[in-house]
Amino acid sequence: SLAFTRSAFVVKKANNAQPNWLGVGLAFSTSAALWTLLFKQHNEDIMEYERRKQERGHKCTGCS
């Protein structure tokens, strides 16, 4: 009876002659967008770190 059960997934042979260009483009564009956000956030974090480092070193008594 196990041979007659149906699977929820249909397996078909991959057609390498016709790649799924929509999927490929979506994968690469998503990756590029994530890397762009990562570099942008990193640069903002570095600027914030430098600003706080400068504030910490500021010993002016007239500012407080």
PDB file of N, CA and C in Angstrom:
ATOM      1  N   SER A   1       0.819  -1.195   0.000  1.00  0.00           N
ATOM      2  CA  SER A   1       0.000   0.000   0.000  1.00  0.00           C
ATOM      3  C   SER A   1       0.861   1.255   0.000  1.00  0.00           C
ATOM      4  N   LEU A   2       2.117   1.140   0.407  1.00  0.00           N
ATOM      5  CA  LEU A   2       3.010   2.295   0.440  1.00  0.00           C
ATOM      6  C   LEU A   2       3.335   2.789  -0.970  1.00  0.00           C
ATOM      7  N   ALA A   3       3.327   1.895  -1.941  1.00  0.00           N
ATOM      8  CA  ALA A   3       3.656   2.274  -3.311  1.00  0.00           C
ATOM      9  C   ALA A   3       2.554   3.117  -3.943  1.00  0.00           C
ATOM     10  N   PHE A   4       1.365   3.067  -3.419  1.00  0.00           N
ATOM     11  CA  PHE A   4       0.254   3.783  -4.024  1.00  0.00           C
ATOM     12  C   PHE A   4      -0.060   5.111  -3.342  1.00  0.00           C
ATOM     13  N   THR A   5       0.727   5.500  -2.346  1.00  0.00           N
ATOM     14  CA  THR A   5       0.471   6.781  -1.680  1.00  0.00           C
ATOM     15  C   THR A   5       0.994   7.915  -2.544  1.00  0.00           C
ATOM     16  N   ARG A   6       0.335   9.044  -2.453  1.00  0.00           N
ATOM     17  CA  ARG A   6       0.743  10.212  -3.231  1.00  0.00           C
ATOM     18  C   ARG A   6       1.629  11.121  -2.385  1.00  0.00           C
ATOM     19  N   SER A   7       2.549  11.745  -3.050  1.00  0.00           N
ATOM     20  CA  SER A   7       3.430  12.697  -2.377  1.00  0.00           C
ATOM     21  C   SER A   7       2.876  14.107  -2.580  1.00  0.00           C
ATOM     22  N   ALA A   8       3.102  14.956  -1.618  1.00  0.00           N
ATOM     23  CA  ALA A   8       2.670  16.351  -1.744  1.00  0.00           C
ATOM     24  C   ALA A   8       3.597  17.113  -2.680  1.00  0.00           C
ATOM     25  N   PHE A   9       4.768  16.583  -2.923  1.00  0.00           N
ATOM     26  CA  PHE A   9       5.760  17.246  -3.765  1.00  0.00           C
ATOM     27  C   PHE A   9       5.896  16.495  -5.076  1.00  0.00           C
ATOM     28  N   VAL A  10       5.960  17.229  -6.159  1.00  0.00           N
ATOM     29  CA  VAL A  10       6.143  16.614  -7.465  1.00  0.00           C
ATOM     30  C   VAL A  10       7.575  16.858  -7.884  1.00  0.00           C
ATOM     31  N   VAL A  11       8.284  15.803  -8.182  1.00  0.00           N
ATOM     32  CA  VAL A  11       9.674  15.918  -8.595  1.00  0.00           C
ATOM     33  C   VAL A  11       9.725  15.838 -10.104  1.00  0.00           C
ATOM     34  N   LYS A  12      10.340  16.864 -10.709  1.00  0.00           N
ATOM     35  CA  LYS A  12      10.525  16.802 -12.150  1.00  0.00           C
ATOM     36  C   LYS A  12      11.991  17.089 -12.452  1.00  0.00           C
ATOM     37  N   LYS A  13      12.431  16.603 -13.566  1.00  0.00           N
ATOM     38  CA  LYS A  13      13.830  16.753 -13.944  1.00  0.00           C
ATOM     39  C   LYS A  13      14.129  18.228 -14.230  1.00  0.00           C
ATOM     40  N   ALA A  14      15.236  18.720 -13.710  1.00  0.00           N
ATOM     41  CA  ALA A  14      15.608  20.116 -13.915  1.00  0.00           C
ATOM     42  C   ALA A  14      16.005  20.335 -15.368  1.00  0.00           C
ATOM     43  N   ASN A  15      15.538  21.438 -15.930  1.00  0.00           N
ATOM     44  CA  ASN A  15      15.878  21.785 -17.308  1.00  0.00           C
ATOM     45  C   ASN A  15      17.005  22.808 -17.260  1.00  0.00           C
ATOM     46  N   ASN A  16      18.237  22.352 -17.426  1.00  0.00           N
ATOM     47  CA  ASN A  16      19.390  23.252 -17.343  1.00  0.00           C
ATOM     48  C   ASN A  16      19.554  24.099 -18.596  1.00  0.00           C
ATOM     49  N   ALA A  17      18.861  23.756 -19.667  1.00  0.00           N
ATOM     50  CA  ALA A  17      18.941  24.557 -20.885  1.00  0.00           C
ATOM     51  C   ALA A  17      18.166  25.867 -20.727  1.00  0.00           C
ATOM     52  N   GLN A  18      17.161  25.877 -19.859  1.00  0.00           N
ATOM     53  CA  GLN A  18      16.356  27.076 -19.620  1.00  0.00           C
ATOM     54  C   GLN A  18      16.357  27.404 -18.133  1.00  0.00           C
ATOM     55  N   PRO A  19      17.372  28.151 -17.674  1.00  0.00           N
ATOM     56  CA  PRO A  19      17.394  28.514 -16.243  1.00  0.00           C
ATOM     57  C   PRO A  19      16.228  29.432 -15.889  1.00  0.00           C
ATOM     58  N   ASN A  20      15.872  29.433 -14.635  1.00  0.00           N
ATOM     59  CA  ASN A  20      14.809  30.308 -14.145  1.00  0.00           C
ATOM     60  C   ASN A  20      15.419  31.692 -13.916  1.00  0.00           C
ATOM     61  N   TRP A  21      15.393  32.514 -14.958  1.00  0.00           N
ATOM     62  CA  TRP A  21      16.076  33.812 -14.886  1.00  0.00           C
ATOM     63  C   TRP A  21      15.422  34.745 -13.879  1.00  0.00           C
ATOM     64  N   LEU A  22      14.136  34.629 -13.688  1.00  0.00           N
ATOM     65  CA  LEU A  22      13.471  35.448 -12.679  1.00  0.00           C
ATOM     66  C   LEU A  22      14.006  35.097 -11.289  1.00  0.00           C
ATOM     67  N   GLY A  23      14.134  33.824 -11.013  1.00  0.00           N
ATOM     68  CA  GLY A  23      14.667  33.388  -9.722  1.00  0.00           C
ATOM     69  C   GLY A  23      16.120  33.786  -9.539  1.00  0.00           C
ATOM     70  N   VAL A  24      16.905  33.655 -10.606  1.00  0.00           N
ATOM     71  CA  VAL A  24      18.323  34.033 -10.550  1.00  0.00           C
ATOM     72  C   VAL A  24      18.451  35.529 -10.289  1.00  0.00           C
ATOM     73  N   GLY A  25      17.680  36.323 -11.023  1.00  0.00           N
ATOM     74  CA  GLY A  25      17.724  37.777 -10.848  1.00  0.00           C
ATOM     75  C   GLY A  25      17.268  38.196  -9.465  1.00  0.00           C
ATOM     76  N   LEU A  26      16.229  37.552  -8.988  1.00  0.00           N
ATOM     77  CA  LEU A  26      15.728  37.864  -7.645  1.00  0.00           C
ATOM     78  C   LEU A  26      16.766  37.521  -6.576  1.00  0.00           C
ATOM     79  N   ALA A  27      17.426  36.385  -6.728  1.00  0.00           N
ATOM     80  CA  ALA A  27      18.446  35.974  -5.757  1.00  0.00           C
ATOM     81  C   ALA A  27      19.615  36.954  -5.746  1.00  0.00           C
ATOM     82  N   PHE A  28      20.120  37.317  -6.937  1.00  0.00           N
ATOM     83  CA  PHE A  28      21.258  38.235  -6.995  1.00  0.00           C
ATOM     84  C   PHE A  28      20.886  39.633  -6.536  1.00  0.00           C
ATOM     85  N   SER A  29      19.711  40.122  -6.911  1.00  0.00           N
ATOM     86  CA  SER A  29      19.325  41.478  -6.496  1.00  0.00           C
ATOM     87  C   SER A  29      19.083  41.536  -4.990  1.00  0.00           C
ATOM     88  N   THR A  30      18.518  40.473  -4.421  1.00  0.00           N
ATOM     89  CA  THR A  30      18.325  40.442  -2.972  1.00  0.00           C
ATOM     90  C   THR A  30      19.658  40.447  -2.259  1.00  0.00           C
ATOM     91  N   SER A  31      20.584  39.654  -2.767  1.00  0.00           N
ATOM     92  CA  SER A  31      21.922  39.605  -2.170  1.00  0.00           C
ATOM     93  C   SER A  31      22.609  40.976  -2.256  1.00  0.00           C
ATOM     94  N   ALA A  32      22.527  41.610  -3.412  1.00  0.00           N
ATOM     95  CA  ALA A  32      23.146  42.930  -3.588  1.00  0.00           C
ATOM     96  C   ALA A  32      22.509  43.958  -2.659  1.00  0.00           C
ATOM     97  N   ALA A  33      21.193  43.915  -2.511  1.00  0.00           N
ATOM     98  CA  ALA A  33      20.515  44.863  -1.628  1.00  0.00           C
ATOM     99  C   ALA A  33      20.935  44.652  -0.179  1.00  0.00           C
ATOM    100  N   LEU A  34      21.047  43.406   0.242  1.00  0.00           N
ATOM    101  CA  LEU A  34      21.466  43.133   1.624  1.00  0.00           C
ATOM    102  C   LEU A  34      22.893  43.589   1.883  1.00  0.00           C
ATOM    103  N   TRP A  35      23.791  43.362   0.922  1.00  0.00           N
ATOM    104  CA  TRP A  35      25.173  43.821   1.081  1.00  0.00           C
ATOM    105  C   TRP A  35      25.232  45.350   1.128  1.00  0.00           C
ATOM    106  N   THR A  36      24.419  46.018   0.308  1.00  0.00           N
ATOM    107  CA  THR A  36      24.383  47.485   0.309  1.00  0.00           C
ATOM    108  C   THR A  36      23.924  48.002   1.672  1.00  0.00           C
ATOM    109  N   LEU A  37      22.865  47.402   2.211  1.00  0.00           N
ATOM    110  CA  LEU A  37      22.388  47.804   3.535  1.00  0.00           C
ATOM    111  C   LEU A  37      23.436  47.538   4.613  1.00  0.00           C
ATOM    112  N   LEU A  38      24.142  46.423   4.487  1.00  0.00           N
ATOM    113  CA  LEU A  38      25.185  46.082   5.458  1.00  0.00           C
ATOM    114  C   LEU A  38      26.296  47.127   5.453  1.00  0.00           C
ATOM    115  N   PHE A  39      26.783  47.502   4.269  1.00  0.00           N
ATOM    116  CA  PHE A  39      27.854  48.506   4.179  1.00  0.00           C
ATOM    117  C   PHE A  39      27.369  49.872   4.662  1.00  0.00           C
ATOM    118  N   LYS A  40      26.135  50.232   4.320  1.00  0.00           N
ATOM    119  CA  LYS A  40      25.579  51.514   4.765  1.00  0.00           C
ATOM    120  C   LYS A  40      25.502  51.559   6.293  1.00  0.00           C
ATOM    121  N   GLN A  41      24.981  50.489   6.892  1.00  0.00           N
ATOM    122  CA  GLN A  41      24.869  50.438   8.347  1.00  0.00           C
ATOM    123  C   GLN A  41      26.249  50.457   8.994  1.00  0.00           C
ATOM    124  N   HIS A  42      27.201  49.766   8.391  1.00  0.00           N
ATOM    125  CA  HIS A  42      28.562  49.735   8.927  1.00  0.00           C
ATOM    126  C   HIS A  42      29.163  51.142   8.929  1.00  0.00           C
ATOM    127  N   ASN A  43      28.991  51.871   7.835  1.00  0.00           N
ATOM    128  CA  ASN A  43      29.529  53.233   7.760  1.00  0.00           C
ATOM    129  C   ASN A  43      28.866  54.150   8.787  1.00  0.00           C
ATOM    130  N   GLU A  44      27.557  53.995   8.976  1.00  0.00           N
ATOM    131  CA  GLU A  44      26.866  54.798   9.989  1.00  0.00           C
ATOM    132  C   GLU A  44      27.369  54.450  11.388  1.00  0.00           C
ATOM    133  N   ASP A  45      27.604  53.174  11.644  1.00  0.00           N
ATOM    134  CA  ASP A  45      28.117  52.752  12.945  1.00  0.00           C
ATOM    135  C   ASP A  45      29.510  53.305  13.202  1.00  0.00           C
ATOM    136  N   ILE A  46      30.359  53.321  12.178  1.00  0.00           N
ATOM    137  CA  ILE A  46      31.714  53.865  12.319  1.00  0.00           C
ATOM    138  C   ILE A  46      31.650  55.362  12.604  1.00  0.00           C
ATOM    139  N   MET A  47      30.774  56.083  11.901  1.00  0.00           N
ATOM    140  CA  MET A  47      30.648  57.528  12.142  1.00  0.00           C
ATOM    141  C   MET A  47      30.158  57.798  13.564  1.00  0.00           C
ATOM    142  N   GLU A  48      29.197  57.004  14.039  1.00  0.00           N
ATOM    143  CA  GLU A  48      28.689  57.171  15.402  1.00  0.00           C
ATOM    144  C   GLU A  48      29.772  56.852  16.428  1.00  0.00           C
ATOM    145  N   TYR A  49      30.557  55.821  16.168  1.00  0.00           N
ATOM    146  CA  TYR A  49      31.660  55.463  17.065  1.00  0.00           C
ATOM    147  C   TYR A  49      32.667  56.602  17.151  1.00  0.00           C
ATOM    148  N   GLU A  50      33.026  57.175  16.001  1.00  0.00           N
ATOM    149  CA  GLU A  50      33.998  58.283  15.988  1.00  0.00           C
ATOM    150  C   GLU A  50      33.432  59.501  16.715  1.00  0.00           C
ATOM    151  N   ARG A  51      32.128  59.775  16.534  1.00  0.00           N
ATOM    152  CA  ARG A  51      31.513  60.922  17.208  1.00  0.00           C
ATOM    153  C   ARG A  51      31.545  60.741  18.719  1.00  0.00           C
ATOM    154  N   ARG A  52      31.191  59.541  19.181  1.00  0.00           N
ATOM    155  CA  ARG A  52      31.200  59.292  20.627  1.00  0.00           C
ATOM    156  C   ARG A  52      32.616  59.295  21.190  1.00  0.00           C
ATOM    157  N   LYS A  53      33.562  58.813  20.423  1.00  0.00           N
ATOM    158  CA  LYS A  53      34.963  58.815  20.865  1.00  0.00           C
ATOM    159  C   LYS A  53      35.456  60.248  21.024  1.00  0.00           C
ATOM    160  N   GLN A  54      35.049  61.113  20.088  1.00  0.00           N
ATOM    161  CA  GLN A  54      35.441  62.517  20.162  1.00  0.00           C
ATOM    162  C   GLN A  54      34.781  63.191  21.369  1.00  0.00           C
ATOM    163  N   GLU A  55      33.514  62.867  21.632  1.00  0.00           N
ATOM    164  CA  GLU A  55      32.801  63.432  22.778  1.00  0.00           C
ATOM    165  C   GLU A  55      33.471  63.029  24.091  1.00  0.00           C
ATOM    166  N   ARG A  56      33.882  61.777  24.166  1.00  0.00           N
ATOM    167  CA  ARG A  56      34.524  61.272  25.379  1.00  0.00           C
ATOM    168  C   ARG A  56      35.833  61.998  25.662  1.00  0.00           C
ATOM    169  N   GLY A  57      36.547  62.327  24.601  1.00  0.00           N
ATOM    170  CA  GLY A  57      37.828  63.000  24.777  1.00  0.00           C
ATOM    171  C   GLY A  57      37.704  64.484  25.020  1.00  0.00           C
ATOM    172  N   HIS A  58      36.509  65.036  24.888  1.00  0.00           N
ATOM    173  CA  HIS A  58      36.271  66.475  25.045  1.00  0.00           C
ATOM    174  C   HIS A  58      36.276  66.826  26.539  1.00  0.00           C
ATOM    175  N   LYS A  59      37.225  67.644  26.975  1.00  0.00           N
ATOM    176  CA  LYS A  59      37.360  67.965  28.402  1.00  0.00           C
ATOM    177  C   LYS A  59      36.972  69.418  28.716  1.00  0.00           C
ATOM    178  N   CYS A  60      36.218  70.048  27.873  1.00  0.00           N
ATOM    179  CA  CYS A  60      35.847  71.442  28.071  1.00  0.00           C
ATOM    180  C   CYS A  60      34.857  71.554  29.242  1.00  0.00           C
ATOM    181  N   THR A  61      35.144  72.410  30.220  1.00  0.00           N
ATOM    182  CA  THR A  61      34.244  72.572  31.371  1.00  0.00           C
ATOM    183  C   THR A  61      33.121  73.556  31.050  1.00  0.00           C
ATOM    184  N   GLY A  62      33.267  74.376  30.036  1.00  0.00           N
ATOM    185  CA  GLY A  62      32.245  75.354  29.696  1.00  0.00           C
ATOM    186  C   GLY A  62      31.047  74.724  28.986  1.00  0.00           C
ATOM    187  N   CYS A  63      31.191  73.524  28.449  1.00  0.00           N
ATOM    188  CA  CYS A  63      30.091  72.877  27.704  1.00  0.00           C
ATOM    189  C   CYS A  63      29.073  72.231  28.645  1.00  0.00           C
ATOM    190  N   SER A  64      29.499  71.775  29.806  1.00  0.00           N
ATOM    191  CA  SER A  64      28.580  71.033  30.664  1.00  0.00           C
ATOM    192  C   SER A  64      27.657  71.920  31.449  1.00  0.00           C
TER     193      SER A  64
END
